[in-house]
PDB file of all heavy atoms in Angstrom:
ATOM      1  N   LYS A   1      -0.388  -0.279  11.166  1.00  0.00           N
ATOM      2  CA  LYS A   1      -0.579  -1.543  11.790  1.00  0.00           C
ATOM      3  C   LYS A   1      -1.551  -2.419  10.898  1.00  0.00           C
ATOM      4  O   LYS A   1      -1.289  -3.641  10.696  1.00  0.00           O
ATOM      5  CB  LYS A   1      -1.117  -1.473  13.149  1.00  0.00           C
ATOM      6  CG  LYS A   1      -0.186  -0.903  14.295  1.00  0.00           C
ATOM      7  CD  LYS A   1      -0.783  -0.610  15.548  1.00  0.00           C
ATOM      8  CE  LYS A   1       0.266  -0.107  16.637  1.00  0.00           C
ATOM      9  NZ  LYS A   1       1.116   0.944  16.279  1.00  0.00           N
ATOM     10  N   GLU A   2      -2.625  -1.848  10.361  1.00  0.00           N
ATOM     11  CA  GLU A   2      -3.503  -2.468   9.553  1.00  0.00           C
ATOM     12  C   GLU A   2      -2.739  -2.979   8.275  1.00  0.00           C
ATOM     13  O   GLU A   2      -2.975  -4.114   7.867  1.00  0.00           O
ATOM     14  CB  GLU A   2      -4.730  -1.518   9.090  1.00  0.00           C
ATOM     15  CG  GLU A   2      -5.583  -1.162  10.253  1.00  0.00           C
ATOM     16  CD  GLU A   2      -6.619  -0.210   9.797  1.00  0.00           C
ATOM     17  OE1 GLU A   2      -6.578   0.428   8.717  1.00  0.00           O
ATOM     18  OE2 GLU A   2      -7.594   0.114  10.522  1.00  0.00           O
ATOM     19  N   LEU A   3      -1.970  -1.985   7.661  1.00  0.00           N
ATOM     20  CA  LEU A   3      -1.208  -2.318   6.483  1.00  0.00           C
ATOM     21  C   LEU A   3      -0.316  -3.487   6.672  1.00  0.00           C
ATOM     22  O   LEU A   3      -0.274  -4.410   5.953  1.00  0.00           O
ATOM     23  CB  LEU A   3      -0.523  -1.038   6.000  1.00  0.00           C
ATOM     24  CG  LEU A   3       0.347  -1.311   4.795  1.00  0.00           C
ATOM     25  CD1 LEU A   3      -0.495  -1.707   3.612  1.00  0.00           C
ATOM     26  CD2 LEU A   3       1.008   0.017   4.374  1.00  0.00           C
ATOM     27  N   SER A   4       0.353  -3.548   7.837  1.00  0.00           N
ATOM     28  CA  SER A   4       1.286  -4.547   8.151  1.00  0.00           C
ATOM     29  C   SER A   4       0.566  -5.940   8.166  1.00  0.00           C
ATOM     30  O   SER A   4       1.199  -6.922   7.662  1.00  0.00           O
ATOM     31  CB  SER A   4       2.025  -4.360   9.443  1.00  0.00           C
ATOM     32  OG  SER A   4       2.875  -3.214   9.445  1.00  0.00           O
ATOM     33  N   ALA A   5      -0.621  -5.974   8.827  1.00  0.00           N
ATOM     34  CA  ALA A   5      -1.309  -7.185   8.810  1.00  0.00           C
ATOM     35  C   ALA A   5      -1.798  -7.650   7.393  1.00  0.00           C
ATOM     36  O   ALA A   5      -1.729  -8.820   7.096  1.00  0.00           O
ATOM     37  CB  ALA A   5      -2.516  -7.060   9.766  1.00  0.00           C
ATOM     38  N   LEU A   6      -2.244  -6.653   6.666  1.00  0.00           N
ATOM     39  CA  LEU A   6      -2.720  -6.912   5.247  1.00  0.00           C
ATOM     40  C   LEU A   6      -1.566  -7.425   4.456  1.00  0.00           C
ATOM     41  O   LEU A   6      -1.764  -8.383   3.534  1.00  0.00           O
ATOM     42  CB  LEU A   6      -3.450  -5.729   4.692  1.00  0.00           C
ATOM     43  CG  LEU A   6      -4.813  -5.459   5.394  1.00  0.00           C
ATOM     44  CD1 LEU A   6      -5.249  -3.980   4.869  1.00  0.00           C
ATOM     45  CD2 LEU A   6      -5.816  -6.498   5.079  1.00  0.00           C
ATOM     46  N   LEU A   7      -0.476  -6.848   4.546  1.00  0.00           N
ATOM     47  CA  LEU A   7       0.724  -7.239   3.704  1.00  0.00           C
ATOM     48  C   LEU A   7       1.246  -8.609   3.890  1.00  0.00           C
ATOM     49  O   LEU A   7       1.835  -9.312   3.123  1.00  0.00           O
ATOM     50  CB  LEU A   7       1.973  -6.230   3.959  1.00  0.00           C
ATOM     51  CG  LEU A   7       1.864  -4.918   3.137  1.00  0.00           C
ATOM     52  CD1 LEU A   7       2.850  -3.997   3.725  1.00  0.00           C
ATOM     53  CD2 LEU A   7       1.888  -5.141   1.638  1.00  0.00           C
ATOM     54  N   ALA A   8       0.915  -9.088   5.206  1.00  0.00           N
ATOM     55  CA  ALA A   8       1.288 -10.549   5.572  1.00  0.00           C
ATOM     56  C   ALA A   8       0.564 -11.586   4.786  1.00  0.00           C
ATOM     57  O   ALA A   8       0.963 -12.664   4.740  1.00  0.00           O
ATOM     58  CB  ALA A   8       1.182 -10.685   7.108  1.00  0.00           C
ATOM     59  N   ARG A   9      -0.606 -11.113   4.251  1.00  0.00           N
ATOM     60  CA  ARG A   9      -1.355 -12.185   3.455  1.00  0.00           C
ATOM     61  C   ARG A   9      -1.572 -11.638   2.056  1.00  0.00           C
ATOM     62  O   ARG A   9      -1.469 -10.494   1.756  1.00  0.00           O
ATOM     63  CB  ARG A   9      -2.742 -12.261   4.150  1.00  0.00           C
ATOM     64  CG  ARG A   9      -2.674 -12.740   5.592  1.00  0.00           C
ATOM     65  CD  ARG A   9      -3.990 -13.040   6.153  1.00  0.00           C
ATOM     66  NE  ARG A   9      -4.675 -11.724   6.549  1.00  0.00           N
ATOM     67  CZ  ARG A   9      -5.870 -11.663   7.176  1.00  0.00           C
ATOM     68  NH1 ARG A   9      -6.526 -12.724   7.479  1.00  0.00           N
ATOM     69  NH2 ARG A   9      -6.387 -10.581   7.523  1.00  0.00           N
ATOM     70  N   ASP A  10      -1.961 -12.621   1.166  1.00  0.00           N
ATOM     71  CA  ASP A  10      -2.023 -12.268  -0.261  1.00  0.00           C
ATOM     72  C   ASP A  10      -3.476 -11.922  -0.547  1.00  0.00           C
ATOM     73  O   ASP A  10      -4.093 -12.602  -1.338  1.00  0.00           O
ATOM     74  CB  ASP A  10      -1.647 -13.492  -1.064  1.00  0.00           C
ATOM     75  CG  ASP A  10      -1.298 -13.088  -2.517  1.00  0.00           C
ATOM     76  OD1 ASP A  10      -1.161 -11.888  -2.718  1.00  0.00           O
ATOM     77  OD2 ASP A  10      -0.958 -13.954  -3.288  1.00  0.00           O
ATOM     78  N   GLN A  11      -3.932 -10.929   0.110  1.00  0.00           N
ATOM     79  CA  GLN A  11      -5.346 -10.507   0.012  1.00  0.00           C
ATOM     80  C   GLN A  11      -5.496  -8.993   0.074  1.00  0.00           C
ATOM     81  O   GLN A  11      -6.361  -8.417   0.645  1.00  0.00           O
ATOM     82  CB  GLN A  11      -6.236 -11.216   0.972  1.00  0.00           C
ATOM     83  CG  GLN A  11      -5.920 -10.841   2.448  1.00  0.00           C
ATOM     84  CD  GLN A  11      -6.770 -11.756   3.348  1.00  0.00           C
ATOM     85  OE1 GLN A  11      -6.356 -12.693   3.881  1.00  0.00           O
ATOM     86  NE2 GLN A  11      -8.010 -11.209   3.606  1.00  0.00           N
ATOM     87  N   LEU A  12      -4.521  -8.255  -0.603  1.00  0.00           N
ATOM     88  CA  LEU A  12      -4.389  -6.826  -0.413  1.00  0.00           C
ATOM     89  C   LEU A  12      -4.372  -6.116  -1.775  1.00  0.00           C
ATOM     90  O   LEU A  12      -3.762  -6.533  -2.715  1.00  0.00           O
ATOM     91  CB  LEU A  12      -3.144  -6.408   0.289  1.00  0.00           C
ATOM     92  CG  LEU A  12      -2.750  -4.959   0.483  1.00  0.00           C
ATOM     93  CD1 LEU A  12      -3.786  -4.255   1.228  1.00  0.00           C
ATOM     94  CD2 LEU A  12      -1.414  -4.806   1.058  1.00  0.00           C
ATOM     95  N   VAL A  13      -5.357  -5.140  -1.823  1.00  0.00           N
ATOM     96  CA  VAL A  13      -5.434  -4.350  -3.164  1.00  0.00           C
ATOM     97  C   VAL A  13      -5.360  -2.888  -2.803  1.00  0.00           C
ATOM     98  O   VAL A  13      -6.187  -2.316  -2.130  1.00  0.00           O
ATOM     99  CB  VAL A  13      -6.806  -4.587  -3.752  1.00  0.00           C
ATOM    100  CG1 VAL A  13      -6.859  -3.824  -5.102  1.00  0.00           C
ATOM    101  CG2 VAL A  13      -6.973  -6.081  -4.113  1.00  0.00           C
ATOM    102  N   PRO A  14      -4.320  -2.242  -3.241  1.00  0.00           N
ATOM    103  CA  PRO A  14      -4.136  -0.705  -3.042  1.00  0.00           C
ATOM    104  C   PRO A  14      -5.055  -0.096  -4.030  1.00  0.00           C
ATOM    105  O   PRO A  14      -5.115  -0.397  -5.220  1.00  0.00           O
ATOM    106  CB  PRO A  14      -2.710  -0.418  -3.235  1.00  0.00           C
ATOM    107  CG  PRO A  14      -2.169  -1.621  -4.048  1.00  0.00           C
ATOM    108  CD  PRO A  14      -3.030  -2.794  -3.753  1.00  0.00           C
ATOM    109  N   ILE A  15      -5.760   1.034  -3.592  1.00  0.00           N
ATOM    110  CA  ILE A  15      -6.563   1.882  -4.324  1.00  0.00           C
ATOM    111  C   ILE A  15      -5.852   3.230  -4.258  1.00  0.00           C
ATOM    112  O   ILE A  15      -5.927   3.893  -3.197  1.00  0.00           O
ATOM    113  CB  ILE A  15      -8.000   2.002  -3.796  1.00  0.00           C
ATOM    114  CG1 ILE A  15      -8.601   0.577  -3.717  1.00  0.00           C
ATOM    115  CG2 ILE A  15      -8.743   2.853  -4.885  1.00  0.00           C
ATOM    116  CD1 ILE A  15      -8.631  -0.266  -4.961  1.00  0.00           C
ATOM    117  N   VAL A  16      -5.210   3.740  -5.269  1.00  0.00           N
ATOM    118  CA  VAL A  16      -4.480   5.020  -5.353  1.00  0.00           C
ATOM    119  C   VAL A  16      -5.397   6.128  -5.735  1.00  0.00           C
ATOM    120  O   VAL A  16      -6.092   6.043  -6.735  1.00  0.00           O
ATOM    121  CB  VAL A  16      -3.222   4.964  -6.227  1.00  0.00           C
ATOM    122  CG1 VAL A  16      -2.550   6.304  -6.308  1.00  0.00           C
ATOM    123  CG2 VAL A  16      -2.256   3.917  -5.682  1.00  0.00           C
ATOM    124  N   HIS A  17      -5.507   7.099  -4.898  1.00  0.00           N
ATOM    125  CA  HIS A  17      -6.477   8.111  -5.059  1.00  0.00           C
ATOM    126  C   HIS A  17      -5.875   9.532  -4.707  1.00  0.00           C
ATOM    127  O   HIS A  17      -5.291   9.785  -3.560  1.00  0.00           O
ATOM    128  CB  HIS A  17      -7.729   7.983  -4.118  1.00  0.00           C
ATOM    129  CG  HIS A  17      -8.719   9.030  -4.299  1.00  0.00           C
ATOM    130  ND1 HIS A  17      -9.629   9.217  -5.358  1.00  0.00           N
ATOM    131  CD2 HIS A  17      -9.012  10.007  -3.307  1.00  0.00           C
ATOM    132  CE1 HIS A  17     -10.387  10.235  -5.140  1.00  0.00           C
ATOM    133  NE2 HIS A  17     -10.109  10.795  -4.004  1.00  0.00           N
ATOM    134  N   ASP A  18      -5.797  10.450  -5.652  1.00  0.00           N
ATOM    135  CA  ASP A  18      -5.204  11.836  -5.491  1.00  0.00           C
ATOM    136  C   ASP A  18      -3.784  11.783  -5.217  1.00  0.00           C
ATOM    137  O   ASP A  18      -3.154  12.620  -4.513  1.00  0.00           O
ATOM    138  CB  ASP A  18      -5.894  12.647  -4.495  1.00  0.00           C
ATOM    139  CG  ASP A  18      -7.331  13.090  -4.917  1.00  0.00           C
ATOM    140  OD1 ASP A  18      -7.572  13.129  -6.111  1.00  0.00           O
ATOM    141  OD2 ASP A  18      -8.236  13.418  -4.021  1.00  0.00           O
ATOM    142  N   THR A  19      -2.942  10.635  -5.533  1.00  0.00           N
ATOM    143  CA  THR A  19      -1.563  10.568  -5.404  1.00  0.00           C
ATOM    144  C   THR A  19      -1.105   9.669  -6.405  1.00  0.00           C
ATOM    145  O   THR A  19      -1.876   9.338  -7.274  1.00  0.00           O
ATOM    146  CB  THR A  19      -1.239  10.116  -3.871  1.00  0.00           C
ATOM    147  OG1 THR A  19       0.235  10.230  -3.774  1.00  0.00           O
ATOM    148  CG2 THR A  19      -1.629   8.719  -3.596  1.00  0.00           C
ATOM    149  N   THR A  20       0.089   9.188  -6.376  1.00  0.00           N
ATOM    150  CA  THR A  20       0.655   8.297  -7.387  1.00  0.00           C
ATOM    151  C   THR A  20       1.387   7.145  -6.719  1.00  0.00           C
ATOM    152  O   THR A  20       1.766   7.106  -5.519  1.00  0.00           O
ATOM    153  CB  THR A  20       1.819   9.030  -8.257  1.00  0.00           C
ATOM    154  OG1 THR A  20       2.892   9.343  -7.373  1.00  0.00           O
ATOM    155  CG2 THR A  20       1.155  10.229  -8.878  1.00  0.00           C
ATOM    156  N   TYR A  21       1.717   6.150  -7.547  1.00  0.00           N
ATOM    157  CA  TYR A  21       2.356   4.965  -7.092  1.00  0.00           C
ATOM    158  C   TYR A  21       3.865   5.365  -6.745  1.00  0.00           C
ATOM    159  O   TYR A  21       4.422   4.835  -5.774  1.00  0.00           O
ATOM    160  CB  TYR A  21       2.509   3.803  -8.133  1.00  0.00           C
ATOM    161  CG  TYR A  21       1.300   2.853  -7.873  1.00  0.00           C
ATOM    162  CD1 TYR A  21      -0.032   3.098  -8.563  1.00  0.00           C
ATOM    163  CD2 TYR A  21       1.389   1.810  -6.965  1.00  0.00           C
ATOM    164  CE1 TYR A  21      -1.001   2.191  -8.429  1.00  0.00           C
ATOM    165  CE2 TYR A  21       0.298   0.949  -6.823  1.00  0.00           C
ATOM    166  CZ  TYR A  21      -0.812   1.133  -7.496  1.00  0.00           C
ATOM    167  OH  TYR A  21      -1.947   0.314  -7.335  1.00  0.00           O
ATOM    168  N   ASP A  22       4.392   6.309  -7.425  1.00  0.00           N
ATOM    169  CA  ASP A  22       5.782   6.794  -7.169  1.00  0.00           C
ATOM    170  C   ASP A  22       5.756   7.404  -5.656  1.00  0.00           C
ATOM    171  O   ASP A  22       6.687   7.102  -4.885  1.00  0.00           O
ATOM    172  CB  ASP A  22       6.259   7.751  -8.120  1.00  0.00           C
ATOM    173  CG  ASP A  22       6.524   7.235  -9.520  1.00  0.00           C
ATOM    174  OD1 ASP A  22       6.861   6.043  -9.445  1.00  0.00           O
ATOM    175  OD2 ASP A  22       6.598   8.093 -10.550  1.00  0.00           O
ATOM    176  N   ASP A  23       4.781   8.213  -5.410  1.00  0.00           N
ATOM    177  CA  ASP A  23       4.672   8.699  -4.057  1.00  0.00           C
ATOM    178  C   ASP A  23       4.479   7.619  -3.016  1.00  0.00           C
ATOM    179  O   ASP A  23       5.189   7.664  -1.929  1.00  0.00           O
ATOM    180  CB  ASP A  23       3.578   9.695  -3.920  1.00  0.00           C
ATOM    181  CG  ASP A  23       3.684  11.014  -4.698  1.00  0.00           C
ATOM    182  OD1 ASP A  23       4.892  11.327  -5.049  1.00  0.00           O
ATOM    183  OD2 ASP A  23       2.693  11.652  -4.994  1.00  0.00           O
ATOM    184  N   LEU A  24       3.746   6.612  -3.279  1.00  0.00           N
ATOM    185  CA  LEU A  24       3.509   5.435  -2.424  1.00  0.00           C
ATOM    186  C   LEU A  24       4.807   4.665  -2.167  1.00  0.00           C
ATOM    187  O   LEU A  24       5.081   4.354  -1.068  1.00  0.00           O
ATOM    188  CB  LEU A  24       2.448   4.511  -2.991  1.00  0.00           C
ATOM    189  CG  LEU A  24       2.205   3.285  -2.231  1.00  0.00           C
ATOM    190  CD1 LEU A  24       1.785   3.484  -0.679  1.00  0.00           C
ATOM    191  CD2 LEU A  24       1.109   2.499  -2.949  1.00  0.00           C
ATOM    192  N   ARG A  25       5.517   4.502  -3.232  1.00  0.00           N
ATOM    193  CA  ARG A  25       6.834   3.677  -3.121  1.00  0.00           C
ATOM    194  C   ARG A  25       7.790   4.426  -2.240  1.00  0.00           C
ATOM    195  O   ARG A  25       8.602   3.790  -1.606  1.00  0.00           O
ATOM    196  CB  ARG A  25       7.405   3.380  -4.505  1.00  0.00           C
ATOM    197  CG  ARG A  25       6.673   2.159  -5.088  1.00  0.00           C
ATOM    198  CD  ARG A  25       7.362   1.782  -6.408  1.00  0.00           C
ATOM    199  NE  ARG A  25       7.032   2.634  -7.562  1.00  0.00           N
ATOM    200  CZ  ARG A  25       5.886   2.480  -8.286  1.00  0.00           C
ATOM    201  NH1 ARG A  25       5.070   1.580  -8.090  1.00  0.00           N
ATOM    202  NH2 ARG A  25       5.691   3.336  -9.286  1.00  0.00           N
ATOM    203  N   GLU A  26       7.722   5.752  -2.164  1.00  0.00           N
ATOM    204  CA  GLU A  26       8.617   6.527  -1.355  1.00  0.00           C
ATOM    205  C   GLU A  26       8.360   6.288   0.214  1.00  0.00           C
ATOM    206  O   GLU A  26       9.233   6.404   1.090  1.00  0.00           O
ATOM    207  CB  GLU A  26       8.522   8.030  -1.557  1.00  0.00           C
ATOM    208  CG  GLU A  26       9.001   8.437  -2.945  1.00  0.00           C
ATOM    209  CD  GLU A  26      10.517   8.413  -2.956  1.00  0.00           C
ATOM    210  OE1 GLU A  26      11.316   8.728  -1.993  1.00  0.00           O
ATOM    211  OE2 GLU A  26      10.936   7.944  -4.047  1.00  0.00           O
ATOM    212  N   VAL A  27       7.159   5.957   0.490  1.00  0.00           N
ATOM    213  CA  VAL A  27       6.591   5.738   1.920  1.00  0.00           C
ATOM    214  C   VAL A  27       6.672   4.234   2.226  1.00  0.00           C
ATOM    215  O   VAL A  27       6.971   3.806   3.300  1.00  0.00           O
ATOM    216  CB  VAL A  27       5.344   6.337   2.231  1.00  0.00           C
ATOM    217  CG1 VAL A  27       4.882   6.049   3.601  1.00  0.00           C
ATOM    218  CG2 VAL A  27       5.473   7.802   2.017  1.00  0.00           C
ATOM    219  N   SER A  28       6.035   3.407   1.332  1.00  0.00           N
ATOM    220  CA  SER A  28       6.000   1.981   1.537  1.00  0.00           C
ATOM    221  C   SER A  28       6.364   1.201   0.279  1.00  0.00           C
ATOM    222  O   SER A  28       5.384   0.937  -0.614  1.00  0.00           O
ATOM    223  CB  SER A  28       4.486   1.643   1.966  1.00  0.00           C
ATOM    224  OG  SER A  28       4.367   0.303   2.024  1.00  0.00           O
ATOM    225  N   PRO A  29       7.595   0.839   0.099  1.00  0.00           N
ATOM    226  CA  PRO A  29       7.973   0.067  -1.119  1.00  0.00           C
ATOM    227  C   PRO A  29       7.199  -1.230  -1.195  1.00  0.00           C
ATOM    228  O   PRO A  29       6.836  -1.645  -2.348  1.00  0.00           O
ATOM    229  CB  PRO A  29       9.544  -0.125  -0.985  1.00  0.00           C
ATOM    230  CG  PRO A  29       9.822   0.773  -0.003  1.00  0.00           C
ATOM    231  CD  PRO A  29       8.716   1.126   0.949  1.00  0.00           C
TER     232      PRO A  29
END
């Protein structure tokens, strides 16, 4: 729910830690 709200605005910075962007794209493109 937090992510949905943040994605709606242009003020979101992902910080990838102990995983990869490839893994992230599998769950949230």
